[in-house]
N, C-alpha and C. Protein backbone atom coordinates (compact mmCIF):
# COMPACT_ATOMS: atom_id res chain seq x y z
N UNK A 1 69.17 -8.55 57.36
CA UNK A 1 68.47 -7.29 57.19
C UNK A 1 67.02 -7.46 57.60
N UNK A 2 66.67 -6.96 58.74
CA UNK A 2 65.29 -7.05 59.19
C UNK A 2 64.85 -8.47 59.42
N UNK A 3 63.62 -8.74 59.14
CA UNK A 3 63.04 -10.07 59.31
C UNK A 3 62.44 -10.51 57.97
N UNK A 4 63.18 -11.26 57.17
CA UNK A 4 62.65 -11.67 55.86
C UNK A 4 61.47 -12.62 56.00
N UNK A 5 60.62 -12.65 54.97
CA UNK A 5 59.47 -13.53 54.94
C UNK A 5 59.85 -14.98 54.70
N UNK A 6 61.04 -15.20 54.19
CA UNK A 6 61.48 -16.57 53.90
C UNK A 6 62.68 -16.56 52.99
N UNK A 7 63.04 -17.73 52.53
CA UNK A 7 64.19 -17.90 51.65
C UNK A 7 63.73 -18.69 50.43
N UNK A 8 64.07 -18.20 49.26
CA UNK A 8 63.66 -18.84 48.01
C UNK A 8 64.92 -19.21 47.25
N UNK A 9 65.22 -20.49 47.21
CA UNK A 9 66.42 -20.98 46.53
C UNK A 9 66.02 -21.68 45.24
N UNK A 10 66.72 -21.34 44.17
CA UNK A 10 66.51 -22.00 42.89
C UNK A 10 67.83 -22.61 42.43
N UNK A 11 67.80 -23.89 42.15
CA UNK A 11 68.99 -24.58 41.67
C UNK A 11 68.78 -24.95 40.21
N UNK A 12 68.78 -23.95 39.38
CA UNK A 12 68.62 -24.15 37.94
C UNK A 12 69.67 -23.33 37.22
N UNK A 13 69.97 -23.70 36.00
CA UNK A 13 71.03 -23.02 35.27
C UNK A 13 70.61 -21.69 34.66
N UNK A 14 69.36 -21.29 34.79
CA UNK A 14 68.92 -20.01 34.22
C UNK A 14 68.99 -18.88 35.24
N UNK A 15 69.43 -19.21 36.45
CA UNK A 15 69.59 -18.19 37.50
C UNK A 15 71.07 -18.09 37.81
N UNK A 16 71.58 -16.86 37.85
CA UNK A 16 72.99 -16.67 38.18
C UNK A 16 73.25 -17.07 39.63
N UNK A 17 74.30 -17.84 39.89
CA UNK A 17 74.60 -18.27 41.25
C UNK A 17 74.82 -17.07 42.19
N UNK A 18 74.22 -17.14 43.35
CA UNK A 18 74.40 -16.10 44.35
C UNK A 18 73.63 -14.82 44.12
N UNK A 19 72.83 -14.78 43.08
CA UNK A 19 72.08 -13.56 42.78
C UNK A 19 71.01 -13.35 43.84
N UNK A 20 70.94 -12.13 44.36
CA UNK A 20 69.94 -11.77 45.36
C UNK A 20 68.95 -10.79 44.75
N UNK A 21 67.70 -11.05 44.98
CA UNK A 21 66.65 -10.19 44.44
C UNK A 21 65.81 -9.70 45.62
N UNK A 22 66.00 -8.45 46.01
CA UNK A 22 65.29 -7.94 47.19
C UNK A 22 63.80 -7.72 46.99
N UNK A 23 63.32 -7.72 45.75
CA UNK A 23 61.91 -7.40 45.51
C UNK A 23 60.98 -8.60 45.54
N UNK A 24 61.49 -9.80 45.77
CA UNK A 24 60.64 -10.98 45.77
C UNK A 24 59.76 -11.04 47.01
N UNK A 25 58.54 -11.55 46.83
CA UNK A 25 57.59 -11.71 47.93
C UNK A 25 57.06 -13.15 47.90
N UNK A 26 56.53 -13.65 49.01
CA UNK A 26 56.00 -15.02 49.01
C UNK A 26 55.00 -15.31 47.88
N UNK A 27 54.07 -14.40 47.54
CA UNK A 27 53.15 -14.72 46.44
C UNK A 27 53.83 -14.83 45.06
N UNK A 28 55.09 -14.38 44.95
CA UNK A 28 55.80 -14.46 43.67
C UNK A 28 56.37 -15.85 43.38
N UNK A 29 56.38 -16.72 44.37
CA UNK A 29 56.99 -18.05 44.20
C UNK A 29 56.26 -18.86 43.13
N UNK A 30 54.94 -18.98 43.22
CA UNK A 30 54.19 -19.82 42.26
C UNK A 30 54.31 -19.32 40.83
N UNK A 31 54.10 -18.01 40.54
CA UNK A 31 54.25 -17.57 39.16
C UNK A 31 55.67 -17.74 38.63
N UNK A 32 56.66 -17.53 39.48
CA UNK A 32 58.05 -17.68 39.05
C UNK A 32 58.35 -19.14 38.71
N UNK A 33 57.88 -20.06 39.55
CA UNK A 33 58.10 -21.48 39.26
C UNK A 33 57.37 -21.90 37.99
N UNK A 34 56.15 -21.42 37.79
CA UNK A 34 55.42 -21.73 36.54
C UNK A 34 56.23 -21.29 35.33
N UNK A 35 56.73 -20.07 35.38
CA UNK A 35 57.51 -19.54 34.25
C UNK A 35 58.75 -20.40 34.00
N UNK A 36 59.48 -20.73 35.05
CA UNK A 36 60.71 -21.50 34.89
C UNK A 36 60.45 -22.93 34.42
N UNK A 37 59.25 -23.45 34.70
CA UNK A 37 58.89 -24.79 34.25
C UNK A 37 58.28 -24.79 32.85
N UNK A 38 58.17 -23.61 32.24
CA UNK A 38 57.61 -23.51 30.90
C UNK A 38 56.10 -23.51 30.87
N UNK A 39 55.48 -23.28 32.00
CA UNK A 39 54.02 -23.26 32.09
C UNK A 39 53.52 -21.82 31.99
N UNK A 40 52.31 -21.62 31.49
CA UNK A 40 51.77 -20.27 31.47
C UNK A 40 51.43 -19.81 32.88
N UNK A 41 51.48 -18.52 33.09
CA UNK A 41 51.16 -17.93 34.38
C UNK A 41 49.71 -17.44 34.32
N UNK A 42 48.92 -17.83 35.32
CA UNK A 42 47.51 -17.42 35.34
C UNK A 42 47.41 -15.94 35.72
N UNK A 43 46.57 -15.23 35.01
CA UNK A 43 46.41 -13.80 35.24
C UNK A 43 45.89 -13.50 36.64
N UNK A 44 45.12 -14.42 37.22
CA UNK A 44 44.54 -14.18 38.53
C UNK A 44 45.51 -14.41 39.69
N UNK A 45 46.71 -14.91 39.41
CA UNK A 45 47.68 -15.14 40.48
C UNK A 45 48.03 -13.83 41.17
N UNK A 46 48.14 -13.89 42.48
CA UNK A 46 48.43 -12.68 43.24
C UNK A 46 49.83 -12.14 42.98
N UNK A 47 50.81 -13.01 42.88
CA UNK A 47 52.19 -12.57 42.69
C UNK A 47 52.54 -12.38 41.22
N UNK A 48 53.81 -12.15 40.98
CA UNK A 48 54.30 -11.98 39.61
C UNK A 48 55.65 -12.69 39.47
N UNK A 49 56.06 -12.90 38.23
CA UNK A 49 57.33 -13.55 37.96
C UNK A 49 58.47 -12.59 38.34
N UNK A 50 59.40 -13.09 39.12
CA UNK A 50 60.56 -12.28 39.52
C UNK A 50 61.61 -12.42 38.42
N UNK A 51 61.49 -11.59 37.39
CA UNK A 51 62.39 -11.69 36.25
C UNK A 51 63.80 -11.21 36.58
N UNK A 52 63.96 -10.48 37.67
CA UNK A 52 65.28 -9.99 38.05
C UNK A 52 66.26 -11.08 38.42
N UNK A 53 65.77 -12.30 38.66
CA UNK A 53 66.68 -13.38 39.03
C UNK A 53 67.03 -14.30 37.86
N UNK A 54 66.41 -14.08 36.71
CA UNK A 54 66.59 -14.96 35.56
C UNK A 54 67.57 -14.34 34.56
N UNK A 55 68.43 -15.17 33.97
CA UNK A 55 69.40 -14.71 32.97
C UNK A 55 68.69 -14.02 31.81
N UNK A 56 69.32 -12.99 31.28
CA UNK A 56 68.76 -12.24 30.15
C UNK A 56 68.53 -13.14 28.94
N UNK A 57 69.46 -14.04 28.67
CA UNK A 57 69.32 -14.90 27.50
C UNK A 57 68.10 -15.82 27.62
N UNK A 58 67.82 -16.31 28.82
CA UNK A 58 66.64 -17.16 29.02
C UNK A 58 65.37 -16.34 28.81
N UNK A 59 65.35 -15.12 29.31
CA UNK A 59 64.19 -14.25 29.14
C UNK A 59 63.89 -13.98 27.67
N UNK A 60 64.95 -13.77 26.88
CA UNK A 60 64.76 -13.52 25.45
C UNK A 60 64.22 -14.74 24.73
N UNK A 61 64.71 -15.92 25.09
CA UNK A 61 64.33 -17.15 24.40
C UNK A 61 63.01 -17.75 24.89
N UNK A 62 62.54 -17.33 26.05
CA UNK A 62 61.31 -17.89 26.64
C UNK A 62 60.38 -16.78 27.06
N UNK A 63 59.58 -16.27 26.15
CA UNK A 63 58.66 -15.18 26.50
C UNK A 63 57.63 -15.64 27.53
N UNK A 64 57.24 -14.72 28.36
CA UNK A 64 56.24 -15.00 29.40
C UNK A 64 54.88 -15.20 28.75
N UNK A 65 54.21 -16.31 29.12
CA UNK A 65 52.87 -16.59 28.61
C UNK A 65 51.88 -16.44 29.77
N UNK A 66 50.87 -15.62 29.56
CA UNK A 66 49.84 -15.37 30.57
C UNK A 66 48.50 -15.85 30.03
N UNK A 67 47.75 -16.56 30.89
CA UNK A 67 46.42 -17.05 30.52
C UNK A 67 45.38 -16.50 31.49
N UNK A 68 44.12 -16.46 31.03
CA UNK A 68 43.04 -15.98 31.90
C UNK A 68 42.69 -16.96 32.98
């Protein structure tokens, strides 16, 4: 479909296999990785966490932490 900006693969058990998230952008990679690693996401980061790719149960058990 068109010309994608890239491919973002996650091999972790909190992401459903084969799930495609069309709203992800390159700046979303760093905040998403921070969240999945249990690190707080800096408020100044350009992107945002792509929560659409993460299991609902993980989202409930691991609230997003944002720091200045």
